N, C-alpha and C. Protein backbone atom coordinates (compact mmCIF):
# COMPACT_ATOMS: atom_id res chain seq x y z
N MET A 1 0.79 -1.50 -0.21
CA MET A 1 0.35 0.21 0.05
C MET A 1 1.00 1.31 -0.43
N SER A 2 -0.05 2.06 -0.83
CA SER A 2 1.54 3.86 -0.54
C SER A 2 0.71 4.28 0.18
N VAL A 3 1.62 5.17 0.29
CA VAL A 3 1.65 6.38 1.07
C VAL A 3 0.55 6.84 0.61
N VAL A 4 0.35 7.23 0.06
CA VAL A 4 -1.35 8.32 -1.24
C VAL A 4 -2.50 8.22 -0.08
N ASN A 5 -2.09 6.20 -1.23
CA ASN A 5 -3.16 5.11 -1.31
C ASN A 5 -3.42 4.58 0.59
N ALA A 6 -2.02 5.38 0.94
CA ALA A 6 -2.89 5.27 2.78
C ALA A 6 -3.50 6.71 3.47
N ALA A 7 -3.23 7.53 2.95
CA ALA A 7 -3.12 8.28 2.92
C ALA A 7 -5.45 8.57 2.45
N GLY A 8 -5.34 7.98 1.90
CA GLY A 8 -6.65 8.42 1.62
C GLY A 8 -7.65 8.19 1.88
N SER A 9 -7.84 6.54 2.38
CA SER A 9 -7.92 5.60 3.17
C SER A 9 -7.84 5.69 5.05
N GLY A 10 -7.34 6.50 4.49
CA GLY A 10 -7.54 7.17 6.43
C GLY A 10 -8.21 8.42 6.47
N GLU A 11 -8.78 9.96 5.45
CA GLU A 11 -9.72 10.45 4.57
C GLU A 11 -11.57 8.89 4.64
N ARG A 12 -10.99 8.22 4.07
CA ARG A 12 -12.37 8.31 3.74
C ARG A 12 -13.64 7.62 5.53
N LYS A 13 -11.87 6.87 6.24
CA LYS A 13 -12.16 6.35 7.21
C LYS A 13 -12.93 7.58 7.93
N ALA A 14 -11.95 8.59 8.23
CA ALA A 14 -12.43 10.52 8.80
C ALA A 14 -14.18 10.25 8.69
N ALA A 15 -14.57 10.38 7.14
CA ALA A 15 -15.04 11.13 6.51
C ALA A 15 -16.92 9.77 6.16
N VAL A 16 -16.18 8.93 7.40
CA VAL A 16 -17.26 8.15 6.99
C VAL A 16 -17.95 8.15 8.85
N GLU A 17 -16.60 7.89 9.90
CA GLU A 17 -16.47 8.47 10.86
C GLU A 17 -17.72 9.41 11.37
N SER A 18 -17.20 10.45 10.33
CA SER A 18 -17.77 11.89 10.56
C SER A 18 -19.15 11.64 10.16
N ALA A 19 -19.88 10.93 8.84
CA ALA A 19 -21.32 11.00 9.39
C ALA A 19 -21.48 10.31 9.80
N ALA A 20 -21.15 9.46 10.77
CA ALA A 20 -21.90 8.42 11.11
C ALA A 20 -21.73 9.11 12.93
N LEU A 21 -21.41 10.13 12.88
CA LEU A 21 -21.44 11.10 14.04
C LEU A 21 -22.57 11.63 14.20
N LYS A 22 -22.58 12.07 12.79
CA LYS A 22 -23.24 13.63 13.13
C LYS A 22 -24.94 12.92 12.18
N SER A 23 -24.91 11.78 12.06
CA SER A 23 -25.92 10.93 12.64
C SER A 23 -26.88 10.21 13.21
N SER A 24 -25.04 10.37 14.31
CA SER A 24 -26.13 9.19 15.80
C SER A 24 -26.97 11.17 16.28
N GLU A 25 -25.96 12.41 16.48
CA GLU A 25 -26.47 13.48 17.11
C GLU A 25 -27.39 13.67 16.37
N GLN A 26 -27.90 14.14 15.45
CA GLN A 26 -29.66 13.90 14.69
C GLN A 26 -29.80 12.74 15.78
N ARG A 27 -30.08 12.09 15.39
CA ARG A 27 -30.67 11.28 16.33
C ARG A 27 -30.97 11.71 17.81
N VAL A 28 -30.02 11.70 18.17
CA VAL A 28 -30.72 11.96 20.02
C VAL A 28 -31.04 13.36 19.78
N LYS A 29 -30.86 14.13 19.81
CA LYS A 29 -32.13 15.86 19.01
C LYS A 29 -33.19 14.75 18.57
N GLN A 30 -33.06 14.35 17.56
CA GLN A 30 -35.22 13.67 18.18
C GLN A 30 -35.66 13.26 18.87
N LEU A 31 -34.72 12.17 19.79
CA LEU A 31 -34.77 11.62 20.36
C LEU A 31 -35.32 12.57 21.29
N GLN A 32 -34.35 12.99 21.90
CA GLN A 32 -34.86 14.36 23.02
C GLN A 32 -36.64 15.37 22.73
N LYS A 33 -36.12 15.81 21.53
CA LYS A 33 -36.90 15.93 20.98
C LYS A 33 -38.85 15.58 21.34
N GLU A 34 -38.46 14.11 21.02
CA GLU A 34 -39.45 13.34 21.10
C GLU A 34 -39.75 12.83 22.52
N LEU A 35 -38.89 12.76 23.90
CA LEU A 35 -39.76 12.71 24.52
C LEU A 35 -39.30 14.36 25.54
N ARG A 36 -39.39 15.32 25.23
CA ARG A 36 -39.78 16.38 25.79
C ARG A 36 -41.65 16.22 25.62
N ARG A 37 -41.81 16.04 23.94
CA ARG A 37 -43.22 16.27 23.97
C ARG A 37 -43.89 15.28 24.47
N LYS A 38 -43.47 13.88 24.35
CA LYS A 38 -43.97 12.47 25.72
C LYS A 38 -43.45 13.55 27.43
N GLU A 39 -43.39 13.87 27.53
CA GLU A 39 -43.37 14.15 29.46
C GLU A 39 -44.03 15.42 28.75
N LYS A 40 -44.35 16.37 28.49
CA LYS A 40 -45.22 17.21 28.68
C LYS A 40 -47.08 17.10 28.22
N ALA A 41 -47.13 16.02 27.50
CA ALA A 41 -48.22 15.10 27.24
C ALA A 41 -48.42 14.67 28.60
N LEU A 42 -47.73 14.34 29.19
CA LEU A 42 -47.98 12.97 30.52
C LEU A 42 -48.06 14.45 31.34
N ALA A 43 -47.24 15.60 31.93
CA ALA A 43 -47.93 16.61 32.21
C ALA A 43 -49.28 16.62 32.34
N GLU A 44 -49.70 17.32 31.56
CA GLU A 44 -51.30 17.71 30.89
C GLU A 44 -52.61 17.03 31.71
N SER A 45 -51.35 15.37 31.13
CA SER A 45 -52.41 14.02 31.51
C SER A 45 -53.02 14.12 32.87
N ALA A 46 -52.05 14.05 34.06
CA ALA A 46 -51.59 14.55 34.83
C ALA A 46 -52.39 15.43 35.56
N ALA A 47 -52.10 16.13 35.42
CA ALA A 47 -53.22 18.44 35.65
C ALA A 47 -54.42 17.84 35.23
N LEU A 48 -55.23 17.24 34.29
CA LEU A 48 -56.09 16.75 33.92
C LEU A 48 -56.94 15.40 34.39
N LEU A 49 -56.55 14.55 35.18
CA LEU A 49 -56.84 14.11 36.03
C LEU A 49 -56.88 14.56 37.24
N VAL A 50 -55.98 15.13 37.91
CA VAL A 50 -55.86 15.69 39.50
C VAL A 50 -57.13 16.87 38.44
N LEU A 51 -57.33 17.61 38.78
CA LEU A 51 -59.32 18.21 38.44
C LEU A 51 -59.62 17.12 38.34
N GLN A 52 -59.68 16.81 37.93
CA GLN A 52 -60.69 16.06 37.22
C GLN A 52 -60.91 14.78 38.73
N LYS A 53 -61.02 14.82 39.25
CA LYS A 53 -60.80 14.21 40.85
C LYS A 53 -61.44 15.15 41.41
N LYS A 54 -60.36 16.33 41.52
CA LYS A 54 -61.05 17.06 42.51
C LYS A 54 -62.49 18.27 42.20
N LEU A 55 -63.13 17.72 40.87
CA LEU A 55 -64.12 18.10 40.04
C LEU A 55 -65.04 17.63 40.99
N GLN A 56 -64.78 15.96 41.05
CA GLN A 56 -65.53 14.94 41.22
C GLN A 56 -65.78 15.23 42.71
N ALA A 57 -65.01 15.64 43.46
CA ALA A 57 -65.04 15.97 45.20
C ALA A 57 -65.88 16.62 45.12
N LEU A 58 -66.35 17.88 44.68
CA LEU A 58 -66.92 19.06 44.43
C LEU A 58 -68.28 18.59 44.91
N TRP A 59 -68.99 17.52 43.50
CA TRP A 59 -69.89 17.55 43.47
C TRP A 59 -70.48 16.75 43.99
N GLU A 60 -69.49 16.08 44.93
CA GLU A 60 -70.27 14.43 45.70
C GLU A 60 -69.88 15.91 47.41
N ASP A 61 -69.58 16.18 47.24
CA ASP A 61 -70.14 17.76 48.49
C ASP A 61 -71.04 17.77 48.00
N GLU A 62 -72.13 18.49 46.54
CA GLU A 62 -72.56 18.80 46.64
C GLU A 62 -73.91 17.79 47.04
N ASP A 63 -73.66 16.59 46.76
CA ASP A 63 -74.74 15.68 46.86
C ASP A 63 -75.61 16.16 48.26
N GLN A 64 -74.17 15.96 48.81
CA GLN A 64 -74.56 15.62 50.01
C GLN A 64 -75.79 16.33 51.37
């Protein structure tokens, strides 16, 4: 293997690793965004459940 060929091979390997790293970083960002969305939905559901229970308790108090 010549020195020029070895250098070209190293550059290709670096380019492939760089592309893989960029792809992984994009996937991480996508997963973080999805996680934030799901956490917000969970928090909203929890708040609605609390409000539902409070409303139900109010109605039960009025019936007594």
